[in-house]
Amino acid sequence: MNEFSSFDLKAILHSKRANLYYLEHCRVMQKDGRVLYLVEAKRDNQYFNIPIANTTVLLLGTGTSITQAAMRMLSQAAVLVGFTGGGGSPLYMGCEIEWMTPQSEYRPTEYLQGWMQFWFDDEKRLSAAKQFQQARIEFLHKVWGKDRELKSEGFTMSDAGLETALERFHQRMETANKPSDLLLIEAQLTKSLYKFAANTTQTENFKRQHQSTDLANDFLNHGNYLAYGLAACTLWVLGIPHGFAVMHGKTRRGALVFDIADLIKDAIVLPWAFVCAKENATEQEFRQQILQAFTDHKALDFMFEEVKKVSLQSWDDKIGKNV
């Protein structure tokens, strides 16, 4: 039998990788050809393996360090490594983050080049924003149409009021002439979805507030940050800067993360926030439910495919619409 190293194997596509790690108060190192993290204890030290071939992002929080040998192996496996503050999310509490992209002169640039082909044209950029909004609604139909747990909680597409709201959104979206119009239309749809979710779960007097102490709003905030994390990972891996937004603002830092996160927020985060609030779930229980739903419905894979589709499509230079 011929011998071969792990690097001779075909790399797992980032959209198919299962793991995203956040570590704190530990040391990341290379040992016996593997990347491990060490947690020091009073009696003995504990080592835990990081399966780098199946990992997209490694976030290092407070109290962490990493060796040069470990970084070399992570770079070979094309794992993005970031340093964060406590909590693990670059958007959570507004903490800064520094990303180290694996150094390879053969790292693909096709997605950034494709994005730049349309981004500087207002009409094309608006067309791309509409594509994402259409994909968002299609994903909503798909998830609510097949998720048995959500169906049992009353989240189906058969509600007349919901159908009317979605039809109105589609009509108005097609005639929108600028991103601000699209944002207003999107906000109106989201308000309708909140109303539907509140009525379905019998949540009284619900009002969306980002600074709130009620469970539904807290879970919405928490779930949205998880969606932002998936969106950020998608863009980092594909090499598209977060500032090149198509809807949330040309000059807003990181706005493209919000554009991409919108693809999955309504379909997964919104219903489960209300369901878990109704059941008085803990934050950890809600988190596990959302992460499992992301996995079940292949949310990260869906984000990758939609961003790649918009990046690599052909554009008609005259009318500014995708061919």
C-alpha atoms as a PDB file:
ATOM      1  CA  MET A   1       0.000   0.000   0.000  1.00  0.00           C
ATOM      2  CA  ASN A   2       1.394   3.429  -0.955  1.00  0.00           C
ATOM      3  CA  GLU A   3       1.910   5.885   1.885  1.00  0.00           C
ATOM      4  CA  PHE A   4       0.411   9.373   1.647  1.00  0.00           C
ATOM      5  CA  SER A   5       0.052  12.374   3.912  1.00  0.00           C
ATOM      6  CA  SER A   6      -3.155  14.098   4.964  1.00  0.00           C
ATOM      7  CA  PHE A   7      -2.360  16.962   2.614  1.00  0.00           C
ATOM      8  CA  ASP A   8      -2.537  14.607  -0.380  1.00  0.00           C
ATOM      9  CA  LEU A   9      -6.250  14.184   0.262  1.00  0.00           C
ATOM     10  CA  LYS A  10      -8.763  16.388  -1.504  1.00  0.00           C
ATOM     11  CA  ALA A  11      -9.615  19.364   0.695  1.00  0.00           C
ATOM     12  CA  ILE A  12     -13.148  19.660   2.010  1.00  0.00           C
ATOM     13  CA  LEU A  13     -14.904  22.682   0.524  1.00  0.00           C
ATOM     14  CA  HIS A  14     -15.479  25.410   3.097  1.00  0.00           C
ATOM     15  CA  SER A  15     -19.197  25.361   2.407  1.00  0.00           C
ATOM     16  CA  LYS A  16     -19.234  21.679   3.391  1.00  0.00           C
ATOM     17  CA  ARG A  17     -17.039  21.943   6.492  1.00  0.00           C
ATOM     18  CA  ALA A  18     -18.818  21.284   9.754  1.00  0.00           C
ATOM     19  CA  ASN A  19     -16.797  23.146  12.368  1.00  0.00           C
ATOM     20  CA  LEU A  20     -16.277  26.703  13.548  1.00  0.00           C
ATOM     21  CA  TYR A  21     -14.366  26.962  16.836  1.00  0.00           C
ATOM     22  CA  TYR A  22     -14.196  29.669  19.463  1.00  0.00           C
ATOM     23  CA  LEU A  23     -11.524  29.080  22.119  1.00  0.00           C
ATOM     24  CA  GLU A  24     -10.525  30.995  25.217  1.00  0.00           C
ATOM     25  CA  HIS A  25      -8.065  30.490  28.097  1.00  0.00           C
ATOM     26  CA  CYS A  26      -6.031  27.853  26.285  1.00  0.00           C
ATOM     27  CA  ARG A  27      -2.939  27.332  24.142  1.00  0.00           C
ATOM     28  CA  VAL A  28      -3.153  26.131  20.530  1.00  0.00           C
ATOM     29  CA  MET A  29      -0.204  24.033  19.366  1.00  0.00           C
ATOM     30  CA  GLN A  30       0.997  21.378  16.951  1.00  0.00           C
ATOM     31  CA  LYS A  31       1.684  17.964  18.413  1.00  0.00           C
ATOM     32  CA  ASP A  32       2.326  14.671  16.616  1.00  0.00           C
ATOM     33  CA  GLY A  33       1.144  16.069  13.287  1.00  0.00           C
ATOM     34  CA  ARG A  34      -2.138  17.406  14.679  1.00  0.00           C
ATOM     35  CA  VAL A  35      -3.377  20.786  15.867  1.00  0.00           C
ATOM     36  CA  LEU A  36      -4.453  20.636  19.505  1.00  0.00           C
ATOM     37  CA  TYR A  37      -5.504  23.059  22.176  1.00  0.00           C
ATOM     38  CA  LEU A  38      -4.199  22.711  25.707  1.00  0.00           C
ATOM     39  CA  VAL A  39      -6.250  23.506  28.789  1.00  0.00           C
ATOM     40  CA  GLU A  40      -4.178  23.703  31.934  1.00  0.00           C
ATOM     41  CA  ALA A  41      -5.581  22.156  35.100  1.00  0.00           C
ATOM     42  CA  LYS A  42      -4.267  21.871  38.652  1.00  0.00           C
ATOM     43  CA  ARG A  43      -3.474  18.173  38.476  1.00  0.00           C
ATOM     44  CA  ASP A  44      -2.919  17.447  34.794  1.00  0.00           C
ATOM     45  CA  ASN A  45      -3.156  19.191  31.444  1.00  0.00           C
ATOM     46  CA  GLN A  46      -5.857  18.277  28.962  1.00  0.00           C
ATOM     47  CA  TYR A  47      -5.323  18.152  25.186  1.00  0.00           C
ATOM     48  CA  PHE A  48      -8.174  18.372  22.659  1.00  0.00           C
ATOM     49  CA  ASN A  49      -7.886  17.754  18.927  1.00  0.00           C
ATOM     50  CA  ILE A  50      -9.008  20.330  16.311  1.00  0.00           C
ATOM     51  CA  PRO A  51      -9.985  18.558  13.046  1.00  0.00           C
ATOM     52  CA  ILE A  52      -8.487  21.209  10.783  1.00  0.00           C
ATOM     53  CA  ALA A  53      -9.487  19.589   7.480  1.00  0.00           C
ATOM     54  CA  ASN A  54     -13.147  19.955   8.479  1.00  0.00           C
ATOM     55  CA  THR A  55     -12.872  23.428  10.055  1.00  0.00           C
ATOM     56  CA  THR A  56     -13.706  26.769   8.450  1.00  0.00           C
ATOM     57  CA  VAL A  57     -12.768  29.336  11.109  1.00  0.00           C
ATOM     58  CA  LEU A  58     -10.854  29.316  14.393  1.00  0.00           C
ATOM     59  CA  LEU A  59     -11.586  32.238  16.737  1.00  0.00           C
ATOM     60  CA  LEU A  60      -9.147  32.867  19.583  1.00  0.00           C
ATOM     61  CA  GLY A  61     -10.661  34.797  22.472  1.00  0.00           C
ATOM     62  CA  THR A  62      -9.310  36.056  25.759  1.00  0.00           C
ATOM     63  CA  GLY A  63      -6.400  34.250  27.384  1.00  0.00           C
ATOM     64  CA  THR A  64      -5.280  32.342  24.280  1.00  0.00           C
ATOM     65  CA  SER A  65      -1.995  31.864  22.461  1.00  0.00           C
ATOM     66  CA  ILE A  66      -0.932  29.922  19.371  1.00  0.00           C
ATOM     67  CA  THR A  67       2.391  28.513  18.188  1.00  0.00           C
ATOM     68  CA  GLN A  68       4.051  29.117  14.838  1.00  0.00           C
ATOM     69  CA  ALA A  69       3.895  25.402  14.023  1.00  0.00           C
ATOM     70  CA  ALA A  70       0.135  25.329  14.618  1.00  0.00           C
ATOM     71  CA  MET A  71      -0.344  28.378  12.395  1.00  0.00           C
ATOM     72  CA  ARG A  72       1.616  26.679   9.631  1.00  0.00           C
ATOM     73  CA  MET A  73      -0.665  23.636   9.711  1.00  0.00           C
ATOM     74  CA  LEU A  74      -3.803  25.782   9.869  1.00  0.00           C
ATOM     75  CA  SER A  75      -2.561  27.750   6.856  1.00  0.00           C
ATOM     76  CA  GLN A  76      -1.948  24.529   4.912  1.00  0.00           C
ATOM     77  CA  ALA A  77      -5.531  23.466   5.673  1.00  0.00           C
ATOM     78  CA  ALA A  78      -6.846  26.938   4.626  1.00  0.00           C
ATOM     79  CA  VAL A  79      -8.396  27.600   8.034  1.00  0.00           C
ATOM     80  CA  LEU A  80      -9.020  31.276   8.792  1.00  0.00           C
ATOM     81  CA  VAL A  81      -7.725  32.312  12.211  1.00  0.00           C
ATOM     82  CA  GLY A  82      -8.945  35.366  14.080  1.00  0.00           C
ATOM     83  CA  PHE A  83      -8.318  37.031  17.428  1.00  0.00           C
ATOM     84  CA  THR A  84     -11.443  38.283  19.147  1.00  0.00           C
ATOM     85  CA  GLY A  85     -12.559  39.771  22.394  1.00  0.00           C
ATOM     86  CA  GLY A  86     -14.749  37.838  24.785  1.00  0.00           C
ATOM     87  CA  GLY A  87     -17.789  36.250  23.218  1.00  0.00           C
ATOM     88  CA  GLY A  88     -16.158  35.210  19.960  1.00  0.00           C
ATOM     89  CA  SER A  89     -18.066  37.382  17.500  1.00  0.00           C
ATOM     90  CA  PRO A  90     -16.466  40.403  15.784  1.00  0.00           C
ATOM     91  CA  LEU A  91     -19.862  42.067  15.785  1.00  0.00           C
ATOM     92  CA  TYR A  92     -20.818  41.202  19.342  1.00  0.00           C
ATOM     93  CA  MET A  93     -20.263  44.225  21.623  1.00  0.00           C
ATOM     94  CA  GLY A  94     -18.462  45.936  18.749  1.00  0.00           C
ATOM     95  CA  CYS A  95     -15.067  44.422  19.491  1.00  0.00           C
ATOM     96  CA  GLU A  96     -12.352  44.596  16.863  1.00  0.00           C
ATOM     97  CA  ILE A  97     -10.933  41.552  15.108  1.00  0.00           C
ATOM     98  CA  GLU A  98      -7.814  40.864  13.101  1.00  0.00           C
ATOM     99  CA  TRP A  99      -8.016  38.166  10.442  1.00  0.00           C
ATOM    100  CA  MET A 100      -5.093  36.226   9.098  1.00  0.00           C
ATOM    101  CA  THR A 101      -5.816  34.826   5.663  1.00  0.00           C
ATOM    102  CA  PRO A 102      -3.846  31.659   4.792  1.00  0.00           C
ATOM    103  CA  GLN A 103      -0.944  32.715   2.604  1.00  0.00           C
ATOM    104  CA  SER A 104      -1.164  31.124  -0.823  1.00  0.00           C
ATOM    105  CA  GLU A 105      -0.434  32.739  -4.151  1.00  0.00           C
ATOM    106  CA  TYR A 106      -2.973  30.339  -5.657  1.00  0.00           C
ATOM    107  CA  ARG A 107      -5.861  31.366  -3.445  1.00  0.00           C
ATOM    108  CA  PRO A 108      -8.802  32.029  -5.831  1.00  0.00           C
ATOM    109  CA  THR A 109      -9.713  35.654  -6.580  1.00  0.00           C
ATOM    110  CA  GLU A 110     -12.559  34.931  -9.006  1.00  0.00           C
ATOM    111  CA  TYR A 111     -15.343  35.831  -6.557  1.00  0.00           C
ATOM    112  CA  LEU A 112     -13.935  39.270  -5.708  1.00  0.00           C
ATOM    113  CA  GLN A 113     -13.298  39.965  -9.392  1.00  0.00           C
ATOM    114  CA  GLY A 114     -16.850  38.931 -10.235  1.00  0.00           C
ATOM    115  CA  TRP A 115     -18.249  41.105  -7.440  1.00  0.00           C
ATOM    116  CA  MET A 116     -16.341  44.122  -8.713  1.00  0.00           C
ATOM    117  CA  GLN A 117     -17.808  43.677 -12.199  1.00  0.00           C
ATOM    118  CA  PHE A 118     -21.211  44.833 -11.001  1.00  0.00           C
ATOM    119  CA  TRP A 119     -20.671  46.633  -7.697  1.00  0.00           C
ATOM    120  CA  PHE A 120     -19.727  50.050  -9.095  1.00  0.00           C
ATOM    121  CA  ASP A 121     -22.874  50.171 -11.258  1.00  0.00           C
ATOM    122  CA  ASP A 122     -25.943  51.344  -9.314  1.00  0.00           C
ATOM    123  CA  GLU A 123     -28.456  49.396 -11.395  1.00  0.00           C
ATOM    124  CA  LYS A 124     -26.494  46.170 -11.296  1.00  0.00           C
ATOM    125  CA  ARG A 125     -25.913  46.480  -7.571  1.00  0.00           C
ATOM    126  CA  LEU A 126     -29.651  46.981  -7.022  1.00  0.00           C
ATOM    127  CA  SER A 127     -30.346  43.946  -9.210  1.00  0.00           C
ATOM    128  CA  ALA A 128     -27.978  41.878  -7.050  1.00  0.00           C
ATOM    129  CA  ALA A 129     -29.783  43.088  -3.916  1.00  0.00           C
ATOM    130  CA  LYS A 130     -33.115  41.967  -5.405  1.00  0.00           C
ATOM    131  CA  GLN A 131     -31.631  38.563  -6.183  1.00  0.00           C
ATOM    132  CA  PHE A 132     -30.651  38.111  -2.548  1.00  0.00           C
ATOM    133  CA  GLN A 133     -34.105  39.167  -1.395  1.00  0.00           C
ATOM    134  CA  GLN A 134     -35.739  36.707  -3.788  1.00  0.00           C
ATOM    135  CA  ALA A 135     -33.432  33.924  -2.544  1.00  0.00           C
ATOM    136  CA  ARG A 136     -34.362  34.869   1.023  1.00  0.00           C
ATOM    137  CA  ILE A 137     -38.073  34.328   0.306  1.00  0.00           C
ATOM    138  CA  GLU A 138     -37.413  31.061  -1.517  1.00  0.00           C
ATOM    139  CA  PHE A 139     -35.421  29.797   1.480  1.00  0.00           C
ATOM    140  CA  LEU A 140     -38.290  30.820   3.775  1.00  0.00           C
ATOM    141  CA  HIS A 141     -40.716  28.759   1.661  1.00  0.00           C
ATOM    142  CA  LYS A 142     -38.317  25.819   1.654  1.00  0.00           C
ATOM    143  CA  VAL A 143     -37.629  25.750   5.401  1.00  0.00           C
ATOM    144  CA  TRP A 144     -41.180  26.390   6.597  1.00  0.00           C
ATOM    145  CA  GLY A 145     -42.458  23.916   4.030  1.00  0.00           C
ATOM    146  CA  LYS A 146     -40.320  20.964   5.196  1.00  0.00           C
ATOM    147  CA  ASP A 147     -39.454  21.542   8.884  1.00  0.00           C
ATOM    148  CA  ARG A 148     -41.805  19.310  10.850  1.00  0.00           C
ATOM    149  CA  GLU A 149     -41.049  20.952  14.185  1.00  0.00           C
ATOM    150  CA  LEU A 150     -41.868  24.410  12.860  1.00  0.00           C
ATOM    151  CA  LYS A 151     -45.016  23.072  11.205  1.00  0.00           C
ATOM    152  CA  SER A 152     -46.149  21.620  14.526  1.00  0.00           C
ATOM    153  CA  GLU A 153     -45.710  25.075  16.065  1.00  0.00           C
ATOM    154  CA  GLY A 154     -47.893  26.658  13.373  1.00  0.00           C
ATOM    155  CA  PHE A 155     -45.189  28.091  11.097  1.00  0.00           C
ATOM    156  CA  THR A 156     -46.484  27.171   7.644  1.00  0.00           C
ATOM    157  CA  MET A 157     -46.987  29.047   4.389  1.00  0.00           C
ATOM    158  CA  SER A 158     -50.747  28.419   4.314  1.00  0.00           C
ATOM    159  CA  ASP A 159     -51.700  31.520   6.334  1.00  0.00           C
ATOM    160  CA  ALA A 160     -53.663  33.971   4.165  1.00  0.00           C
ATOM    161  CA  GLY A 161     -52.196  37.050   5.799  1.00  0.00           C
ATOM    162  CA  LEU A 162     -48.658  35.753   5.331  1.00  0.00           C
ATOM    163  CA  GLU A 163     -49.297  34.949   1.679  1.00  0.00           C
ATOM    164  CA  THR A 164     -50.629  38.468   1.123  1.00  0.00           C
ATOM    165  CA  ALA A 165     -47.565  40.029   2.788  1.00  0.00           C
ATOM    166  CA  LEU A 166     -45.162  37.965   0.695  1.00  0.00           C
ATOM    167  CA  GLU A 167     -47.019  38.742  -2.529  1.00  0.00           C
ATOM    168  CA  ARG A 168     -47.017  42.453  -1.702  1.00  0.00           C
ATOM    169  CA  PHE A 169     -43.293  42.285  -0.954  1.00  0.00           C
ATOM    170  CA  HIS A 170     -42.565  40.598  -4.283  1.00  0.00           C
ATOM    171  CA  GLN A 171     -44.530  43.178  -6.262  1.00  0.00           C
ATOM    172  CA  ARG A 172     -42.968  46.151  -4.514  1.00  0.00           C
ATOM    173  CA  MET A 173     -39.490  44.654  -4.744  1.00  0.00           C
ATOM    174  CA  GLU A 174     -39.736  44.351  -8.514  1.00  0.00           C
ATOM    175  CA  THR A 175     -40.531  48.071  -8.864  1.00  0.00           C
ATOM    176  CA  ALA A 176     -38.002  49.392  -6.329  1.00  0.00           C
ATOM    177  CA  ASN A 177     -35.659  51.926  -7.935  1.00  0.00           C
ATOM    178  CA  LYS A 178     -33.006  52.342  -5.252  1.00  0.00           C
ATOM    179  CA  PRO A 179     -31.607  50.483  -2.204  1.00  0.00           C
ATOM    180  CA  SER A 180     -33.407  52.754   0.270  1.00  0.00           C
ATOM    181  CA  ASP A 181     -36.749  51.754  -1.277  1.00  0.00           C
ATOM    182  CA  LEU A 182     -35.759  48.093  -0.988  1.00  0.00           C
ATOM    183  CA  LEU A 183     -34.791  48.563   2.660  1.00  0.00           C
ATOM    184  CA  LEU A 184     -38.182  50.102   3.425  1.00  0.00           C
ATOM    185  CA  ILE A 185     -40.024  47.270   1.668  1.00  0.00           C
ATOM    186  CA  GLU A 186     -37.897  44.706   3.497  1.00  0.00           C
ATOM    187  CA  ALA A 187     -38.646  46.363   6.851  1.00  0.00           C
ATOM    188  CA  GLN A 188     -42.378  46.187   6.141  1.00  0.00           C
ATOM    189  CA  LEU A 189     -42.153  42.468   5.355  1.00  0.00           C
ATOM    190  CA  THR A 190     -40.135  41.801   8.510  1.00  0.00           C
ATOM    191  CA  LYS A 191     -42.766  43.626  10.561  1.00  0.00           C
ATOM    192  CA  SER A 192     -45.442  41.374   9.040  1.00  0.00           C
ATOM    193  CA  LEU A 193     -43.387  38.284   9.870  1.00  0.00           C
ATOM    194  CA  TYR A 194     -42.968  39.450  13.482  1.00  0.00           C
ATOM    195  CA  LYS A 195     -46.722  39.911  13.727  1.00  0.00           C
ATOM    196  CA  PHE A 196     -47.373  36.450  12.285  1.00  0.00           C
ATOM    197  CA  ALA A 197     -44.838  34.836  14.648  1.00  0.00           C
ATOM    198  CA  ALA A 198     -46.250  36.657  17.683  1.00  0.00           C
ATOM    199  CA  ASN A 199     -49.815  35.603  16.840  1.00  0.00           C
ATOM    200  CA  THR A 200     -48.758  32.019  16.119  1.00  0.00           C
ATOM    201  CA  THR A 201     -46.969  31.648  19.461  1.00  0.00           C
ATOM    202  CA  GLN A 202     -49.526  33.784  21.342  1.00  0.00           C
ATOM    203  CA  THR A 203     -46.873  36.310  22.338  1.00  0.00           C
ATOM    204  CA  GLU A 204     -48.725  39.337  23.649  1.00  0.00           C
ATOM    205  CA  ASN A 205     -47.713  42.971  23.101  1.00  0.00           C
ATOM    206  CA  PHE A 206     -44.563  42.109  21.166  1.00  0.00           C
ATOM    207  CA  LYS A 207     -42.493  45.015  19.889  1.00  0.00           C
ATOM    208  CA  ARG A 208     -39.097  44.576  18.259  1.00  0.00           C
ATOM    209  CA  GLN A 209     -36.454  46.260  20.395  1.00  0.00           C
ATOM    210  CA  HIS A 210     -32.729  45.624  20.160  1.00  0.00           C
ATOM    211  CA  GLN A 211     -32.238  46.759  23.749  1.00  0.00           C
ATOM    212  CA  SER A 212     -34.684  44.579  25.628  1.00  0.00           C
ATOM    213  CA  THR A 213     -35.037  42.119  28.472  1.00  0.00           C
ATOM    214  CA  ASP A 214     -37.893  39.972  27.128  1.00  0.00           C
ATOM    215  CA  LEU A 215     -36.969  36.542  25.816  1.00  0.00           C
ATOM    216  CA  ALA A 216     -38.257  36.925  22.257  1.00  0.00           C
ATOM    217  CA  ASN A 217     -36.140  40.026  21.602  1.00  0.00           C
ATOM    218  CA  ASP A 218     -33.135  38.531  23.395  1.00  0.00           C
ATOM    219  CA  PHE A 219     -33.328  35.370  21.315  1.00  0.00           C
ATOM    220  CA  LEU A 220     -33.747  37.381  18.109  1.00  0.00           C
ATOM    221  CA  ASN A 221     -30.589  39.332  18.949  1.00  0.00           C
ATOM    222  CA  HIS A 222     -28.679  36.166  19.808  1.00  0.00           C
ATOM    223  CA  GLY A 223     -29.807  34.276  16.718  1.00  0.00           C
ATOM    224  CA  ASN A 224     -29.098  37.214  14.428  1.00  0.00           C
ATOM    225  CA  TYR A 225     -25.511  37.415  15.711  1.00  0.00           C
ATOM    226  CA  LEU A 226     -25.072  33.720  14.910  1.00  0.00           C
ATOM    227  CA  ALA A 227     -26.374  34.407  11.392  1.00  0.00           C
ATOM    228  CA  TYR A 228     -23.916  37.314  11.096  1.00  0.00           C
ATOM    229  CA  GLY A 229     -21.139  34.900  12.008  1.00  0.00           C
ATOM    230  CA  LEU A 230     -22.090  32.504   9.200  1.00  0.00           C
ATOM    231  CA  ALA A 231     -22.351  35.388   6.741  1.00  0.00           C
ATOM    232  CA  ALA A 232     -18.962  36.738   7.758  1.00  0.00           C
ATOM    233  CA  CYS A 233     -17.368  33.297   7.367  1.00  0.00           C
ATOM    234  CA  THR A 234     -18.851  32.967   3.882  1.00  0.00           C
ATOM    235  CA  LEU A 235     -17.433  36.299   2.757  1.00  0.00           C
ATOM    236  CA  TRP A 236     -14.022  35.797   4.401  1.00  0.00           C
ATOM    237  CA  VAL A 237     -13.550  32.421   2.738  1.00  0.00           C
ATOM    238  CA  LEU A 238     -14.603  33.711  -0.694  1.00  0.00           C
ATOM    239  CA  GLY A 239     -12.404  36.785  -0.299  1.00  0.00           C
ATOM    240  CA  ILE A 240     -15.123  39.440  -0.689  1.00  0.00           C
ATOM    241  CA  PRO A 241     -14.604  42.500   1.582  1.00  0.00           C
ATOM    242  CA  HIS A 242     -17.479  43.249   3.940  1.00  0.00           C
ATOM    243  CA  GLY A 243     -17.713  46.851   2.836  1.00  0.00           C
ATOM    244  CA  PHE A 244     -19.058  46.059  -0.647  1.00  0.00           C
ATOM    245  CA  ALA A 245     -22.714  45.884   0.382  1.00  0.00           C
ATOM    246  CA  VAL A 246     -25.580  45.798  -2.093  1.00  0.00           C
ATOM    247  CA  MET A 247     -28.442  46.982   0.117  1.00  0.00           C
ATOM    248  CA  HIS A 248     -27.543  48.028   3.638  1.00  0.00           C
ATOM    249  CA  GLY A 249     -25.337  50.935   2.632  1.00  0.00           C
ATOM    250  CA  LYS A 250     -22.384  51.544   0.318  1.00  0.00           C
ATOM    251  CA  THR A 251     -20.333  53.256   3.030  1.00  0.00           C
ATOM    252  CA  ARG A 252     -21.350  51.317   6.130  1.00  0.00           C
ATOM    253  CA  ARG A 253     -18.507  49.210   7.444  1.00  0.00           C
ATOM    254  CA  GLY A 254     -19.333  45.513   7.321  1.00  0.00           C
ATOM    255  CA  ALA A 255     -22.753  46.066   5.760  1.00  0.00           C
ATOM    256  CA  LEU A 256     -22.418  43.150   3.339  1.00  0.00           C
ATOM    257  CA  VAL A 257     -22.492  40.821   6.362  1.00  0.00           C
ATOM    258  CA  PHE A 258     -26.030  42.065   7.087  1.00  0.00           C
ATOM    259  CA  ASP A 259     -27.048  41.582   3.450  1.00  0.00           C
ATOM    260  CA  ILE A 260     -25.944  37.951   3.458  1.00  0.00           C
ATOM    261  CA  ALA A 261     -27.280  37.166   6.933  1.00  0.00           C
ATOM    262  CA  ASP A 262     -30.743  38.250   5.742  1.00  0.00           C
ATOM    263  CA  LEU A 263     -30.790  35.136   3.562  1.00  0.00           C
ATOM    264  CA  ILE A 264     -31.482  32.894   6.581  1.00  0.00           C
ATOM    265  CA  LYS A 265     -32.692  35.086   9.448  1.00  0.00           C
ATOM    266  CA  ASP A 266     -36.409  35.056   8.646  1.00  0.00           C
ATOM    267  CA  ALA A 267     -36.569  31.362   7.819  1.00  0.00           C
ATOM    268  CA  ILE A 268     -34.700  30.028  10.873  1.00  0.00           C
ATOM    269  CA  VAL A 269     -33.876  32.614  13.545  1.00  0.00           C
ATOM    270  CA  LEU A 270     -37.232  34.412  13.654  1.00  0.00           C
ATOM    271  CA  PRO A 271     -39.561  31.440  14.234  1.00  0.00           C
ATOM    272  CA  TRP A 272     -37.303  29.683  16.719  1.00  0.00           C
ATOM    273  CA  ALA A 273     -36.807  32.873  18.738  1.00  0.00           C
ATOM    274  CA  PHE A 274     -40.556  33.057  19.332  1.00  0.00           C
ATOM    275  CA  VAL A 275     -40.997  29.310  19.883  1.00  0.00           C
ATOM    276  CA  CYS A 276     -38.147  29.130  22.409  1.00  0.00           C
ATOM    277  CA  ALA A 277     -39.425  32.256  24.172  1.00  0.00           C
ATOM    278  CA  LYS A 278     -42.879  30.663  24.454  1.00  0.00           C
ATOM    279  CA  GLU A 279     -41.293  27.563  25.998  1.00  0.00           C
ATOM    280  CA  ASN A 280     -39.214  29.717  28.349  1.00  0.00           C
ATOM    281  CA  ALA A 281     -36.006  28.094  27.095  1.00  0.00           C
ATOM    282  CA  THR A 282     -32.576  29.032  28.394  1.00  0.00           C
ATOM    283  CA  GLU A 283     -30.165  30.938  26.185  1.00  0.00           C
ATOM    284  CA  GLN A 284     -28.024  27.822  25.808  1.00  0.00           C
ATOM    285  CA  GLU A 285     -31.044  25.745  24.760  1.00  0.00           C
ATOM    286  CA  PHE A 286     -31.993  28.368  22.181  1.00  0.00           C
ATOM    287  CA  ARG A 287     -28.424  28.494  20.888  1.00  0.00           C
ATOM    288  CA  GLN A 288     -28.304  24.718  20.436  1.00  0.00           C
ATOM    289  CA  GLN A 289     -31.670  24.761  18.663  1.00  0.00           C
ATOM    290  CA  ILE A 290     -30.540  27.443  16.208  1.00  0.00           C
ATOM    291  CA  LEU A 291     -27.198  25.777  15.491  1.00  0.00           C
ATOM    292  CA  GLN A 292     -28.954  22.481  14.856  1.00  0.00           C
ATOM    293  CA  ALA A 293     -31.433  24.202  12.535  1.00  0.00           C
ATOM    294  CA  PHE A 294     -28.553  25.821  10.626  1.00  0.00           C
ATOM    295  CA  THR A 295     -27.065  22.352  10.154  1.00  0.00           C
ATOM    296  CA  ASP A 296     -30.344  20.620   9.260  1.00  0.00           C
ATOM    297  CA  HIS A 297     -31.204  23.172   6.571  1.00  0.00           C
ATOM    298  CA  LYS A 298     -27.600  23.591   5.328  1.00  0.00           C
ATOM    299  CA  ALA A 299     -27.690  27.338   5.968  1.00  0.00           C
ATOM    300  CA  LEU A 300     -23.955  27.899   5.424  1.00  0.00           C
ATOM    301  CA  ASP A 301     -23.999  25.912   2.203  1.00  0.00           C
ATOM    302  CA  PHE A 302     -26.964  27.975   1.001  1.00  0.00           C
ATOM    303  CA  MET A 303     -25.122  31.236   1.757  1.00  0.00           C
ATOM    304  CA  PHE A 304     -22.064  30.089  -0.175  1.00  0.00           C
ATOM    305  CA  GLU A 305     -24.104  29.086  -3.206  1.00  0.00           C
ATOM    306  CA  GLU A 306     -26.053  32.355  -3.351  1.00  0.00           C
ATOM    307  CA  VAL A 307     -22.971  34.572  -2.985  1.00  0.00           C
ATOM    308  CA  LYS A 308     -21.082  32.537  -5.589  1.00  0.00           C
ATOM    309  CA  LYS A 309     -24.078  32.689  -7.950  1.00  0.00           C
ATOM    310  CA  VAL A 310     -24.253  36.494  -7.774  1.00  0.00           C
ATOM    311  CA  SER A 311     -20.465  36.830  -8.055  1.00  0.00           C
ATOM    312  CA  LEU A 312     -19.995  34.651 -11.113  1.00  0.00           C
ATOM    313  CA  GLN A 313     -23.081  35.431 -13.191  1.00  0.00           C
ATOM    314  CA  SER A 314     -22.957  37.347 -16.459  1.00  0.00           C
ATOM    315  CA  TRP A 315     -24.256  40.917 -16.619  1.00  0.00           C
ATOM    316  CA  ASP A 316     -25.825  42.943 -19.424  1.00  0.00           C
ATOM    317  CA  ASP A 317     -23.910  46.203 -19.533  1.00  0.00           C
ATOM    318  CA  LYS A 318     -26.730  48.077 -21.235  1.00  0.00           C
ATOM    319  CA  ILE A 319     -29.703  47.432 -18.981  1.00  0.00           C
ATOM    320  CA  GLY A 320     -27.843  46.570 -15.789  1.00  0.00           C
ATOM    321  CA  LYS A 321     -29.656  43.323 -15.156  1.00  0.00           C
ATOM    322  CA  ASN A 322     -28.383  39.813 -14.785  1.00  0.00           C
ATOM    323  CA  VAL A 323     -28.604  37.710 -17.937  1.00  0.00           C
END
